[in-house]
Amino acid sequence: MAQSHVLNSVKVKIIWDRLISVLEEQAKTLIRTSFTSILSDSEDLSAGLFNSKGEMIAQANTGTPGHINSMAIGVKHFLEHNPPETLRPGDVLLGNNPYEISGHLLDLTVVTPAFIYGKLVGYFASTCHCADIGGIGYSPNGESIFEEGLQIPYLKFYSKGVLNDVLKKIIVSNVRAPKEVMGDLHAQVLANEVAIKSLKKTMDEFGLEEIDAIGHEIMHRSEMAMREAIKNLPDGVYFNEMETDGFEQPIKLKCRLTISGDELEVDFTGSSPASMKGINVSLPYLTAYSTYIIKATIAPEVPNNHGSFRPVHIKAEKGSCVHAVPPMPTTGRHVLGQFAPECVMGAIHQVAPKTTIAEGATSIWSIPVSGDDFAYVAFSSGGMGARPNKDGLSATSFPSSVHGVSVEIMETNSPLIIQRKELRGDSGGAGQFRGGLGQVIQFTVESRNNWNLSSIFDRFKNGARGLDGGLTGACGAVYINGVKSTNSKAVYHLKAGDQVELYLPGGGGYGNPLDRPKEKVLSDLRNNYISKETAKKVYKLQQ
C-alpha cells in the first residue's frame, strides 16, 4: 500500500506540473498574440484551469494576483448565467461585471468550455486589462458605474465557433481603441483554444477521461498544506490600520486578523464608507489581494487554487469603500485594493515578523493618456518596502507584480514622448535595510490637439511606513508644467507641448538606520541612491 501511495503521489505531481505547463503556454500565447503592451510587456493578465464546477485547479505563473484570484472567484458566475447543459463546443463566454469579477469594467474575462472526448471536462479562462472600455475613460471621476464604460453581462462571444457580430459591433462602437481592444480579446480566445489542445494531449498521455478527480486531489493537498501553515501561527486577534489619500477626503483602512486553529479570517469592518468617486473596491478584488498576501507571507510554497483559499475568509461591510455594490464607481479600484494587502501584512507582522516586509509605494502609478483618436495606458511603479534581510526593490510593483514598460515600447506604441526616466534619490526609507527607490518620469504627448491625463495616484500625503525602526519612504508628487498638484486623483486637460513630471514614492525602511553597514551607505552614496546630507544626518556617516 505504501508503495502504491508513493507512486500515486509521483503521478499527481507529474500531472500537476504538466497542467502548470499547459497554463504557461496559454499565458505566453496570449502575450505573444496580443495587440497592446498592457499584455505583451506589462503582463496585466491571468490564465487558469477550472474543473466542471468552475473551481480553479491551477493557474499560470505569469499574471497578477488581482486578476488570478478574482477570476478564481468569478468563473462560477459565468456558469450561473450559462449553465453547462447549454454550452456547446466552440462556445466562448465574455463578461466584465466589476462587482463579481476583478473590480472594474476595464478587465475583460473570457471563459472557454473545454470539450474533450465529446464531453465538457472543465474550463479555461483569462482576465485581461483592455486598452479602453468607453465612458469617461480610465479615470476616477465617475460617480456611478454607468459613467465608467460599457458593461458586458455574461454573454456568448462565440456560439459554436461563430462570432457574436452584434456584441462585437457594440464593443467597437463604444471604445476609443477598437483595433487594440478586439485584438486583445481575440488573443484571449486563441490562448484558451491552444490550452484546450494541450490539455487533450496531457489527458491522452496519462489516460485521463476527465480532470475533476486529479483536480480534487490537487486542491485537497493545497488545502491541507494551507491549514497546516495557519496552525503553526498562534491563535489570537491582531489589528492594523492605515490611511490613504482618498479622493474627496482621506480614506482609512482597518483590518482585524483572527487566527483560530487551521482557519484564518480578515475582517475590514470599520474601514471608511464608500467614496462618491471611482476608487471603491469590490469584494472579489479585496479577497484576491488579501488571500494572496496571506499565502505569500505564511505559505509561499503552497500552490494557488480553490483548495488553498478554503481556510481563509475575507469580510467587509457592504457599501463600504472595500465592498462596492451597484452602482458604485470602481474604475480606480487598484489604489485602495492594493493598499488592503499592505494593511493585512501589518497585522501578520505581529505574529510572523520575519516573513513580512515594510510598506511600499503599493499602488501602481498608471499613466492613462487619451485624445479624440487614441487611448493608451502605461504602468509604472515606485519602490517596494525593505525586507527583514535585504533592501527593498526599486521601481518594482508590489503587490501587483505588473511589469513596467520600457521607454522604447511606450514611444513606439503611443504618442508619449519620455524626456526623463530615472531612479529617484533619497526616496527609499532609511533603515538597516533601505526601502526601494521610486522613480522620476517626465513626459509629454506628441499631438497637435488637446489631450488628457488621468492621475489615479496615492501616497501624496502618507509615505510608506517602515518596520522595526525603519523610516518612512518619500511621498509621491505630480507637476504639470512645473506646478505641483495637490490632488493625487484628477483629470488634467492638457495642450500640445504641456509637460508632466511624476515623482513616484519610495518604500519604507526596515530596522534602525544606524545598524546599516558603512560600506552599504557608501555604495548608496556613490550610486546617488542617497544624498550626502542623508548619509551624514540619518546614517551618521563620518568621512
Protein backbone atom coordinates (compact mmCIF):
# COMPACT_ATOMS: atom_id res chain seq x y z
CA MET A 1 0.00 0.00 0.00
CA ALA A 2 2.84 2.40 0.90
CA GLN A 3 4.50 1.91 -2.50
CA SER A 4 1.18 2.45 -4.28
CA HIS A 5 0.69 5.71 -2.33
CA VAL A 6 4.14 6.93 -3.35
CA LEU A 7 3.53 6.08 -6.97
CA ASN A 8 0.18 7.86 -6.87
CA SER A 9 1.85 10.90 -5.31
CA VAL A 10 4.50 10.92 -8.01
CA LYS A 11 1.87 10.68 -10.73
CA VAL A 12 -0.14 13.51 -9.18
CA LYS A 13 2.96 15.70 -9.05
CA ILE A 14 3.84 14.95 -12.68
CA ILE A 15 0.32 15.73 -13.92
CA TRP A 16 0.20 18.81 -11.70
CA ASP A 17 3.42 20.16 -13.22
CA ARG A 18 2.12 19.34 -16.70
CA LEU A 19 -1.04 21.38 -16.05
CA ILE A 20 1.08 24.35 -14.99
CA SER A 21 2.99 23.95 -18.26
CA VAL A 22 -0.30 23.97 -20.20
CA LEU A 23 -1.33 27.17 -18.42
CA GLU A 24 2.03 28.83 -19.06
CA GLU A 25 1.54 28.02 -22.74
CA GLN A 26 -1.89 29.65 -22.52
CA ALA A 27 -0.44 32.79 -20.91
CA LYS A 28 2.53 33.04 -23.30
CA THR A 29 0.25 32.58 -26.33
CA LEU A 30 -1.89 35.41 -25.02
CA ILE A 31 1.16 37.64 -24.54
CA ARG A 32 2.64 36.89 -27.98
CA THR A 33 -0.59 37.40 -29.92
CA SER A 34 -1.81 40.48 -28.03
CA PHE A 35 -2.12 43.92 -29.60
CA THR A 36 -1.15 46.09 -26.61
CA SER A 37 1.83 46.48 -24.31
CA ILE A 38 -0.61 46.09 -21.42
CA LEU A 39 -0.43 42.36 -22.11
CA SER A 40 2.74 41.88 -24.14
CA ASP A 41 5.03 43.82 -21.78
CA SER A 42 3.20 44.61 -18.54
CA GLU A 43 1.58 41.13 -18.42
CA ASP A 44 -1.51 42.54 -16.71
CA LEU A 45 -3.41 39.29 -17.12
CA SER A 46 -4.28 35.88 -15.70
CA ALA A 47 -4.75 32.36 -17.02
CA GLY A 48 -6.37 29.47 -15.20
CA LEU A 49 -7.85 25.97 -15.46
CA PHE A 50 -11.18 25.18 -13.78
CA ASN A 51 -13.00 21.93 -13.08
CA SER A 52 -16.54 21.15 -14.21
CA LYS A 53 -17.93 23.12 -11.23
CA GLY A 54 -15.94 26.25 -12.05
CA GLU A 55 -13.37 25.78 -9.24
CA MET A 56 -9.81 26.79 -10.08
CA ILE A 57 -7.47 23.79 -10.21
CA ALA A 58 -4.34 25.65 -11.23
CA GLN A 59 -3.05 28.96 -12.58
CA ALA A 60 -0.23 30.11 -14.82
CA ASN A 61 2.85 31.51 -13.08
CA THR A 62 2.52 34.53 -15.36
CA GLY A 63 -0.02 37.13 -14.27
CA THR A 64 -1.12 39.40 -11.43
CA PRO A 65 -2.82 38.36 -8.16
CA GLY A 66 -5.71 40.76 -8.69
CA HIS A 67 -6.64 39.07 -11.94
CA ILE A 68 -5.82 35.50 -10.99
CA ASN A 69 -7.57 35.35 -7.63
CA SER A 70 -10.63 37.38 -8.64
CA MET A 71 -11.02 35.23 -11.77
CA ALA A 72 -10.89 32.22 -9.45
CA ILE A 73 -13.98 33.61 -7.72
CA GLY A 74 -15.70 34.92 -10.85
CA VAL A 75 -15.90 31.93 -13.19
CA LYS A 76 -18.79 30.45 -11.19
CA HIS A 77 -20.91 33.48 -12.16
CA PHE A 78 -20.42 32.66 -15.85
CA LEU A 79 -21.83 29.19 -15.17
CA GLU A 80 -24.79 30.59 -13.24
CA HIS A 81 -25.77 32.59 -16.33
CA ASN A 82 -24.68 29.93 -18.84
CA PRO A 83 -25.46 26.51 -17.33
CA PRO A 84 -23.16 23.71 -18.55
CA GLU A 85 -26.02 21.90 -20.30
CA THR A 86 -26.50 24.93 -22.58
CA LEU A 87 -22.86 25.04 -23.71
CA ARG A 88 -21.52 23.52 -26.92
CA PRO A 89 -18.06 23.05 -28.49
CA GLY A 90 -16.93 26.39 -29.96
CA ASP A 91 -18.74 28.50 -27.35
CA VAL A 92 -16.76 31.31 -25.73
CA LEU A 93 -18.12 33.43 -22.87
CA LEU A 94 -17.30 37.09 -22.15
CA GLY A 95 -18.06 39.39 -19.21
CA ASN A 96 -16.70 42.25 -17.10
CA ASN A 97 -19.02 42.58 -14.07
CA PRO A 98 -16.85 44.62 -11.67
CA TYR A 99 -18.74 43.54 -8.54
CA GLU A 100 -18.37 39.82 -9.22
CA ILE A 101 -15.04 39.51 -11.03
CA SER A 102 -11.96 41.75 -10.94
CA GLY A 103 -13.34 45.05 -9.81
CA HIS A 104 -13.58 47.40 -12.81
CA LEU A 105 -15.01 47.40 -16.32
CA LEU A 106 -11.58 47.59 -17.97
CA ASP A 107 -10.89 43.95 -17.09
CA LEU A 108 -12.42 41.54 -19.61
CA THR A 109 -12.77 37.87 -18.66
CA VAL A 110 -13.00 35.22 -21.38
CA VAL A 111 -14.13 31.70 -20.41
CA THR A 112 -13.97 28.78 -22.85
CA PRO A 113 -15.58 25.41 -22.10
CA ALA A 114 -13.14 22.56 -22.75
CA PHE A 115 -14.88 19.79 -24.67
CA ILE A 116 -12.65 16.70 -24.87
CA TYR A 117 -13.70 13.17 -25.85
CA GLY A 118 -17.14 14.58 -26.63
CA LYS A 119 -17.86 15.89 -23.15
CA LEU A 120 -17.35 19.06 -21.12
CA VAL A 121 -14.41 18.38 -18.77
CA GLY A 122 -13.69 21.89 -17.49
CA TYR A 123 -12.94 25.47 -18.46
CA PHE A 124 -10.01 27.69 -19.38
CA ALA A 125 -10.27 31.37 -18.52
CA SER A 126 -8.25 34.55 -18.68
CA THR A 127 -8.78 38.05 -17.34
CA CYS A 128 -7.01 40.94 -19.08
CA HIS A 129 -6.91 44.70 -18.73
CA CYS A 130 -8.10 46.23 -22.02
CA ALA A 131 -6.97 49.48 -23.64
CA ASP A 132 -10.32 51.22 -23.25
CA ILE A 133 -13.92 50.44 -22.34
CA GLY A 134 -15.61 53.72 -23.28
CA GLY A 135 -17.42 56.01 -20.86
CA ILE A 136 -15.35 58.80 -19.35
CA GLY A 137 -12.20 56.74 -19.83
CA TYR A 138 -9.66 55.38 -17.35
CA SER A 139 -10.48 57.99 -14.75
CA PRO A 140 -11.51 58.10 -11.08
CA ASN A 141 -14.02 60.90 -11.73
CA GLY A 142 -17.08 58.74 -12.44
CA GLU A 143 -19.84 58.81 -9.84
CA SER A 144 -21.59 55.64 -10.95
CA ILE A 145 -20.81 52.52 -12.95
CA PHE A 146 -22.95 53.90 -15.78
CA GLU A 147 -20.41 56.67 -16.41
CA GLU A 148 -17.40 54.38 -16.40
CA GLY A 149 -17.94 52.48 -19.62
CA LEU A 150 -19.52 49.51 -21.34
CA GLN A 151 -20.96 46.77 -19.14
CA ILE A 152 -20.82 43.31 -20.72
CA PRO A 153 -23.01 40.75 -18.96
CA TYR A 154 -22.12 37.06 -19.09
CA LEU A 155 -22.71 36.64 -22.84
CA LYS A 156 -21.56 34.28 -25.56
CA PHE A 157 -18.80 35.98 -27.53
CA TYR A 158 -18.76 32.94 -29.82
CA SER A 159 -21.56 30.40 -30.32
CA LYS A 160 -20.44 27.06 -31.79
CA GLY A 161 -17.41 28.81 -33.25
CA VAL A 162 -19.34 31.73 -34.79
CA LEU A 163 -18.51 35.25 -33.60
CA ASN A 164 -21.38 37.19 -31.99
CA ASP A 165 -21.36 40.03 -34.52
CA VAL A 166 -23.88 42.12 -32.59
CA LEU A 167 -21.74 42.05 -29.45
CA LYS A 168 -18.65 42.86 -31.50
CA LYS A 169 -20.36 45.91 -33.03
CA ILE A 170 -21.46 47.12 -29.60
CA ILE A 171 -17.90 46.88 -28.26
CA VAL A 172 -16.30 48.52 -31.31
CA SER A 173 -18.83 51.37 -31.21
CA ASN A 174 -18.13 52.16 -27.55
CA VAL A 175 -14.34 52.09 -27.20
CA ARG A 176 -11.68 54.59 -28.25
CA ALA A 177 -9.21 51.92 -29.37
CA PRO A 178 -11.33 49.29 -31.19
CA LYS A 179 -8.44 47.59 -33.00
CA GLU A 180 -6.48 47.12 -29.78
CA VAL A 181 -9.48 46.01 -27.72
CA MET A 182 -10.70 43.48 -30.27
CA GLY A 183 -7.15 42.32 -30.98
CA ASP A 184 -6.53 41.53 -27.33
CA LEU A 185 -9.93 39.84 -27.00
CA HIS A 186 -9.16 37.53 -29.90
CA ALA A 187 -5.76 36.82 -28.32
CA GLN A 188 -7.61 35.65 -25.20
CA VAL A 189 -9.86 33.41 -27.30
CA LEU A 190 -6.90 31.93 -29.18
CA ALA A 191 -4.92 31.30 -25.99
CA ASN A 192 -7.81 29.34 -24.49
CA GLU A 193 -8.07 27.23 -27.65
CA VAL A 194 -4.35 26.44 -27.52
CA ALA A 195 -4.70 25.43 -23.86
CA ILE A 196 -7.58 23.05 -24.65
CA LYS A 197 -5.47 21.29 -27.30
CA SER A 198 -2.58 20.95 -24.87
CA LEU A 199 -4.88 19.63 -22.15
CA LYS A 200 -6.12 16.95 -24.53
CA LYS A 201 -2.53 15.83 -25.18
CA THR A 202 -1.94 15.61 -21.44
CA MET A 203 -5.12 13.62 -20.90
CA ASP A 204 -4.18 11.27 -23.78
CA GLU A 205 -0.72 10.70 -22.34
CA PHE A 206 -1.91 9.90 -18.82
CA GLY A 207 -5.10 8.09 -19.77
CA LEU A 208 -7.40 10.63 -18.12
CA GLU A 209 -11.05 10.72 -19.16
CA GLU A 210 -11.83 13.75 -17.03
CA ILE A 211 -9.95 16.24 -14.81
CA ASP A 212 -12.22 16.54 -11.77
CA ALA A 213 -10.52 13.67 -9.92
CA ILE A 214 -6.98 14.96 -10.35
CA GLY A 215 -8.27 18.47 -9.65
CA HIS A 216 -9.83 17.26 -6.39
CA GLU A 217 -6.52 15.73 -5.30
CA ILE A 218 -4.56 18.88 -6.16
CA MET A 219 -7.00 21.14 -4.33
CA HIS A 220 -7.18 18.81 -1.32
CA ARG A 221 -3.40 18.72 -0.91
CA SER A 222 -3.20 22.52 -1.24
CA GLU A 223 -5.93 22.97 1.35
CA MET A 224 -4.23 20.66 3.84
CA ALA A 225 -0.88 22.43 3.36
CA MET A 226 -2.52 25.83 3.87
CA ARG A 227 -4.30 24.65 7.01
CA GLU A 228 -1.03 23.32 8.40
CA ALA A 229 0.65 26.70 7.80
CA ILE A 230 -2.17 28.50 9.63
CA LYS A 231 -2.00 26.04 12.55
CA ASN A 232 1.66 26.97 13.03
CA LEU A 233 0.62 30.55 13.87
CA PRO A 234 -0.50 31.48 17.40
CA ASP A 235 -4.25 31.81 17.84
CA GLY A 236 -5.42 35.33 18.52
CA VAL A 237 -6.82 38.56 17.16
CA TYR A 238 -4.49 41.14 15.61
CA PHE A 239 -5.26 44.64 14.30
CA ASN A 240 -3.80 47.11 11.84
CA GLU A 241 -4.91 50.26 10.07
CA MET A 242 -3.55 52.73 7.55
CA GLU A 243 -4.63 55.97 5.92
CA THR A 244 -4.62 56.75 2.20
CA ASP A 245 -5.14 59.99 0.28
CA GLY A 246 -8.65 59.02 -0.80
CA PHE A 247 -10.48 61.35 -3.16
CA GLU A 248 -12.75 63.88 -1.51
CA GLN A 249 -11.12 63.14 1.85
CA PRO A 250 -8.64 60.65 3.32
CA ILE A 251 -9.72 57.02 3.48
CA LYS A 252 -8.87 54.75 6.39
CA LEU A 253 -8.44 51.01 6.03
CA LYS A 254 -8.86 48.84 9.11
CA CYS A 255 -8.42 45.10 9.37
CA ARG A 256 -8.86 42.54 12.12
CA LEU A 257 -6.92 39.30 11.63
CA THR A 258 -8.32 36.34 13.55
CA ILE A 259 -6.42 33.05 13.73
CA SER A 260 -8.29 30.08 15.17
CA GLY A 261 -6.81 26.62 14.72
CA ASP A 262 -6.48 25.98 10.99
CA GLU A 263 -8.79 28.82 9.92
CA LEU A 264 -7.92 32.46 9.31
CA GLU A 265 -10.27 35.43 8.88
CA VAL A 266 -9.61 39.02 7.87
CA ASP A 267 -12.40 41.49 8.61
CA PHE A 268 -12.22 45.01 7.19
CA THR A 269 -15.18 46.27 9.24
CA GLY A 270 -14.54 49.85 10.35
CA SER A 271 -12.92 50.94 7.10
CA SER A 272 -14.17 54.21 5.62
CA PRO A 273 -17.54 54.48 3.88
CA ALA A 274 -17.61 54.36 0.08
CA SER A 275 -16.29 57.27 -1.92
CA MET A 276 -18.54 59.15 -4.34
CA LYS A 277 -15.78 58.72 -6.92
CA GLY A 278 -14.36 55.71 -8.75
CA ILE A 279 -11.85 54.39 -6.23
CA ASN A 280 -14.08 51.84 -4.48
CA VAL A 281 -13.07 48.18 -4.28
CA SER A 282 -15.29 45.17 -4.97
CA LEU A 283 -15.20 42.23 -2.56
CA PRO A 284 -13.66 39.79 -5.12
CA TYR A 285 -10.73 42.17 -5.73
CA LEU A 286 -10.30 42.75 -1.99
CA THR A 287 -10.38 38.99 -1.46
CA ALA A 288 -7.94 38.41 -4.31
CA TYR A 289 -5.19 40.57 -2.85
CA SER A 290 -5.86 39.69 0.78
CA THR A 291 -5.63 35.94 0.16
CA TYR A 292 -2.54 36.50 -1.98
CA ILE A 293 -0.63 38.35 0.73
CA ILE A 294 -1.63 35.79 3.37
CA LYS A 295 -0.35 32.91 1.28
CA ALA A 296 2.77 34.81 0.21
CA THR A 297 3.75 35.54 3.82
CA ILE A 298 2.87 32.32 5.63
CA ALA A 299 2.80 29.62 2.91
CA PRO A 300 4.52 30.82 -0.30
CA GLU A 301 5.25 27.27 -1.46
CA VAL A 302 1.58 26.22 -1.45
CA PRO A 303 0.05 26.31 -4.97
CA ASN A 304 -2.66 28.87 -5.67
CA ASN A 305 -6.03 27.20 -6.30
CA HIS A 306 -9.52 26.75 -4.92
CA GLY A 307 -8.24 24.46 -2.18
CA SER A 308 -5.71 26.91 -0.79
CA PHE A 309 -8.47 29.52 -0.46
CA ARG A 310 -10.81 27.37 1.63
CA PRO A 311 -9.30 28.03 5.08
CA VAL A 312 -9.11 31.83 4.50
CA HIS A 313 -12.13 34.11 4.86
CA ILE A 314 -12.33 37.79 3.90
CA LYS A 315 -15.12 40.05 5.15
CA ALA A 316 -16.11 43.69 4.68
CA GLU A 317 -19.21 45.80 5.19
CA LYS A 318 -21.42 46.08 2.11
CA GLY A 319 -21.38 49.58 0.72
CA SER A 320 -18.03 50.45 2.32
CA CYS A 321 -15.01 51.55 0.31
CA VAL A 322 -13.83 47.92 0.21
CA HIS A 323 -17.12 46.21 -0.64
CA ALA A 324 -18.60 48.09 -3.57
CA VAL A 325 -22.17 47.36 -4.62
CA PRO A 326 -24.04 48.54 -7.75
CA PRO A 327 -23.95 51.25 -9.00
CA MET A 328 -20.88 52.43 -7.05
CA PRO A 329 -17.98 53.55 -9.32
CA THR A 330 -14.83 51.40 -9.26
CA THR A 331 -12.50 52.32 -12.16
CA GLY A 332 -9.58 53.21 -9.86
CA ARG A 333 -10.15 50.25 -7.56
CA HIS A 334 -6.49 49.19 -7.76
CA VAL A 335 -5.41 52.01 -5.45
CA LEU A 336 -7.29 51.01 -2.30
CA GLY A 337 -7.36 47.39 -3.44
CA GLN A 338 -3.58 47.19 -3.34
CA PHE A 339 -3.30 49.05 -0.04
CA ALA A 340 -5.53 46.40 1.55
CA PRO A 341 -2.90 43.61 1.49
CA GLU A 342 -0.35 46.00 2.99
CA CYS A 343 -2.83 46.57 5.82
CA VAL A 344 -3.20 42.79 6.26
CA MET A 345 0.58 42.32 6.20
CA GLY A 346 0.92 44.83 9.03
CA ALA A 347 -1.31 42.58 11.13
CA ILE A 348 0.58 39.43 10.09
CA HIS A 349 3.84 41.12 11.13
CA GLN A 350 2.68 40.83 14.73
CA VAL A 351 2.69 37.03 14.53
CA ALA A 352 5.25 36.30 11.79
CA PRO A 353 7.67 39.27 11.67
CA LYS A 354 10.37 37.52 9.64
CA THR A 355 8.01 36.83 6.73
CA THR A 356 6.73 40.38 6.18
CA ILE A 357 8.19 43.47 4.56
CA ALA A 358 7.80 47.20 5.20
CA GLU A 359 5.13 49.17 3.37
CA GLY A 360 5.91 50.13 -0.22
CA ALA A 361 4.69 52.60 -2.82
CA THR A 362 1.93 49.98 -3.14
CA SER A 363 -0.48 51.14 -5.81
CA ILE A 364 0.53 51.13 -9.47
CA TRP A 365 1.05 54.60 -10.91
CA SER A 366 -0.84 54.07 -14.15
CA ILE A 367 -0.27 56.66 -16.87
CA PRO A 368 -3.54 56.77 -18.84
CA VAL A 369 -3.42 59.33 -21.65
CA SER A 370 -6.13 59.86 -24.21
CA GLY A 371 -7.27 62.14 -27.00
CA ASP A 372 -10.02 62.23 -29.56
CA ASP A 373 -8.42 59.42 -31.54
CA PHE A 374 -6.29 57.45 -29.08
CA ALA A 375 -6.23 55.86 -25.66
CA TYR A 376 -3.11 54.43 -24.09
CA VAL A 377 -2.08 53.32 -20.62
CA ALA A 378 1.43 52.54 -19.36
CA PHE A 379 2.22 51.19 -15.91
CA SER A 380 4.96 52.44 -13.63
CA SER A 381 5.92 51.61 -10.07
CA GLY A 382 7.55 53.15 -7.03
CA GLY A 383 9.73 51.35 -4.51
CA MET A 384 8.96 48.20 -2.53
CA GLY A 385 9.36 48.11 1.22
CA ALA A 386 12.58 46.81 2.70
CA ARG A 387 12.76 43.15 3.69
CA PRO A 388 13.91 41.69 7.02
CA ASN A 389 17.29 40.84 5.48
CA LYS A 390 17.53 42.82 2.22
CA ASP A 391 16.89 46.26 0.76
CA GLY A 392 13.58 46.86 -0.96
CA LEU A 393 13.42 46.54 -4.73
CA SER A 394 13.36 49.82 -6.65
CA ALA A 395 10.74 50.76 -9.26
CA THR A 396 9.03 47.41 -8.73
CA SER A 397 5.31 46.81 -8.49
CA PHE A 398 4.12 45.09 -5.33
CA PRO A 399 1.72 43.52 -4.53
CA SER A 400 0.52 43.70 -8.13
CA SER A 401 3.62 42.29 -9.91
CA VAL A 402 2.57 44.08 -13.11
CA HIS A 403 5.63 44.96 -15.20
CA GLY A 404 6.78 48.43 -16.15
CA VAL A 405 7.04 49.25 -19.85
CA SER A 406 10.30 50.33 -21.46
CA VAL A 407 10.63 53.79 -22.94
CA GLU A 408 11.16 52.31 -26.41
CA ILE A 409 7.91 50.33 -26.25
CA MET A 410 5.92 53.28 -24.92
CA GLU A 411 7.16 55.63 -27.61
CA THR A 412 6.64 53.07 -30.36
CA ASN A 413 3.07 52.19 -29.39
CA SER A 414 1.76 55.58 -28.32
CA PRO A 415 2.19 59.34 -28.79
CA LEU A 416 4.05 59.53 -25.45
CA ILE A 417 7.48 61.16 -25.54
CA ILE A 418 9.55 60.26 -22.48
CA GLN A 419 12.01 63.03 -21.67
CA ARG A 420 13.37 61.70 -18.38
CA LYS A 421 13.13 58.38 -16.56
CA GLU A 422 15.46 57.65 -13.67
CA LEU A 423 15.57 56.35 -10.10
CA ARG A 424 14.61 58.95 -7.51
CA GLY A 425 17.38 59.52 -4.99
CA ASP A 426 16.52 59.74 -1.27
CA SER A 427 13.06 58.27 -1.88
CA GLY A 428 13.65 54.94 -0.12
CA GLY A 429 13.05 54.98 3.64
CA ALA A 430 16.26 54.71 5.63
CA GLY A 431 16.94 51.61 7.69
CA GLN A 432 19.35 48.78 8.35
CA PHE A 433 17.79 47.67 5.07
CA ARG A 434 16.80 50.59 2.85
CA GLY A 435 13.41 50.91 1.19
CA GLY A 436 13.28 50.59 -2.60
CA LEU A 437 13.57 53.78 -4.63
CA GLY A 438 10.77 55.40 -6.58
CA GLN A 439 11.47 56.95 -9.95
CA VAL A 440 11.11 60.24 -11.80
CA ILE A 441 9.28 60.19 -15.13
CA GLN A 442 8.95 63.30 -17.28
CA PHE A 443 6.89 63.16 -20.47
CA THR A 444 4.71 64.93 -22.97
CA VAL A 445 2.43 63.78 -25.78
CA GLU A 446 3.25 64.25 -29.44
CA SER A 447 -0.02 65.72 -30.63
CA ARG A 448 -1.29 68.93 -32.19
CA ASN A 449 -4.54 68.50 -30.33
CA ASN A 450 -5.57 68.66 -26.70
CA TRP A 451 -5.07 65.52 -24.62
CA ASN A 452 -5.99 64.21 -21.19
CA LEU A 453 -4.06 62.64 -18.33
CA SER A 454 -5.93 60.77 -15.60
CA SER A 455 -3.98 60.63 -12.37
CA ILE A 456 -5.09 57.74 -10.16
CA PHE A 457 -2.19 58.01 -7.74
CA ASP A 458 -1.70 57.91 -3.98
CA ARG A 459 0.87 58.46 -1.24
CA PHE A 460 0.90 62.23 -1.78
CA LYS A 461 0.27 62.65 1.97
CA ASN A 462 1.16 59.33 3.59
CA GLY A 463 4.54 57.81 2.84
CA ALA A 464 5.24 54.08 3.13
CA ARG A 465 5.87 53.27 6.78
CA GLY A 466 8.98 51.42 7.88
CA LEU A 467 9.20 48.48 10.28
CA ASP A 468 11.21 47.85 13.43
CA GLY A 469 12.84 51.27 13.42
CA GLY A 470 12.96 51.77 9.66
CA LEU A 471 11.99 55.23 8.40
CA THR A 472 9.14 56.26 6.10
CA GLY A 473 9.67 56.42 2.34
CA ALA A 474 9.26 59.66 0.37
CA CYS A 475 5.78 60.71 -0.70
CA GLY A 476 4.81 60.99 -4.36
CA ALA A 477 4.17 64.16 -6.34
CA VAL A 478 2.97 65.34 -9.76
CA TYR A 479 3.99 68.54 -11.54
CA ILE A 480 2.09 69.92 -14.52
CA ASN A 481 4.18 72.45 -16.43
CA GLY A 482 6.31 72.90 -13.32
CA VAL A 483 3.37 73.49 -10.97
CA LYS A 484 2.91 70.95 -8.18
CA SER A 485 -0.51 69.31 -8.00
CA THR A 486 -2.26 69.00 -4.65
CA ASN A 487 -4.66 66.29 -5.83
CA SER A 488 -3.48 62.70 -6.34
CA LYS A 489 -6.64 61.84 -8.29
CA ALA A 490 -7.69 64.18 -11.07
CA VAL A 491 -8.12 64.50 -14.81
CA TYR A 492 -5.83 67.06 -16.42
CA HIS A 493 -6.89 68.62 -19.72
CA LEU A 494 -3.64 69.45 -21.45
CA LYS A 495 -2.48 71.12 -24.65
CA ALA A 496 0.17 70.21 -27.17
CA GLY A 497 3.61 70.65 -25.62
CA ASP A 498 2.48 70.51 -21.99
CA GLN A 499 4.92 68.76 -19.65
CA VAL A 500 4.21 66.25 -16.88
CA GLU A 501 6.65 65.16 -14.16
CA LEU A 502 5.87 62.21 -11.90
CA TYR A 503 7.80 61.66 -8.67
CA LEU A 504 6.93 58.14 -7.58
CA PRO A 505 7.06 57.28 -3.86
CA GLY A 506 9.66 55.05 -2.23
CA GLY A 507 9.34 52.09 0.11
CA GLY A 508 9.71 52.09 3.89
CA GLY A 509 12.92 51.04 5.59
CA TYR A 510 13.45 48.02 7.85
CA GLY A 511 15.47 48.21 11.08
CA ASN A 512 17.48 51.02 12.68
CA PRO A 513 19.40 53.10 10.08
CA LEU A 514 22.40 53.21 12.44
CA ASP A 515 22.75 49.43 12.03
CA ARG A 516 23.29 49.75 8.27
CA PRO A 517 26.86 48.70 7.37
CA LYS A 518 29.09 51.61 6.38
CA GLU A 519 30.02 50.01 3.05
CA LYS A 520 26.34 49.90 2.04
CA VAL A 521 25.87 53.56 2.94
CA LEU A 522 28.93 54.45 0.87
CA SER A 523 27.62 52.36 -2.03
CA ASP A 524 24.25 54.13 -1.89
CA LEU A 525 26.06 57.46 -1.88
CA ARG A 526 28.20 56.55 -4.91
CA ASN A 527 25.12 55.44 -6.85
CA ASN A 528 23.14 58.59 -5.92
CA TYR A 529 20.55 56.47 -4.11
CA ILE A 530 21.00 58.79 -1.14
CA SER A 531 22.37 62.32 -0.80
CA LYS A 532 25.39 63.44 1.22
CA GLU A 533 23.01 65.14 3.63
CA THR A 534 21.09 61.89 4.25
CA ALA A 535 24.31 59.91 4.65
CA LYS A 536 25.53 62.35 7.29
CA LYS A 537 22.28 63.24 9.05
CA VAL A 538 20.42 59.92 9.02
CA TYR A 539 23.15 57.29 8.75
CA LYS A 540 25.72 59.36 10.72
CA LEU A 541 28.37 58.69 8.09
CA GLN A 542 31.66 60.36 9.00
CA GLN A 543 34.10 60.79 6.13
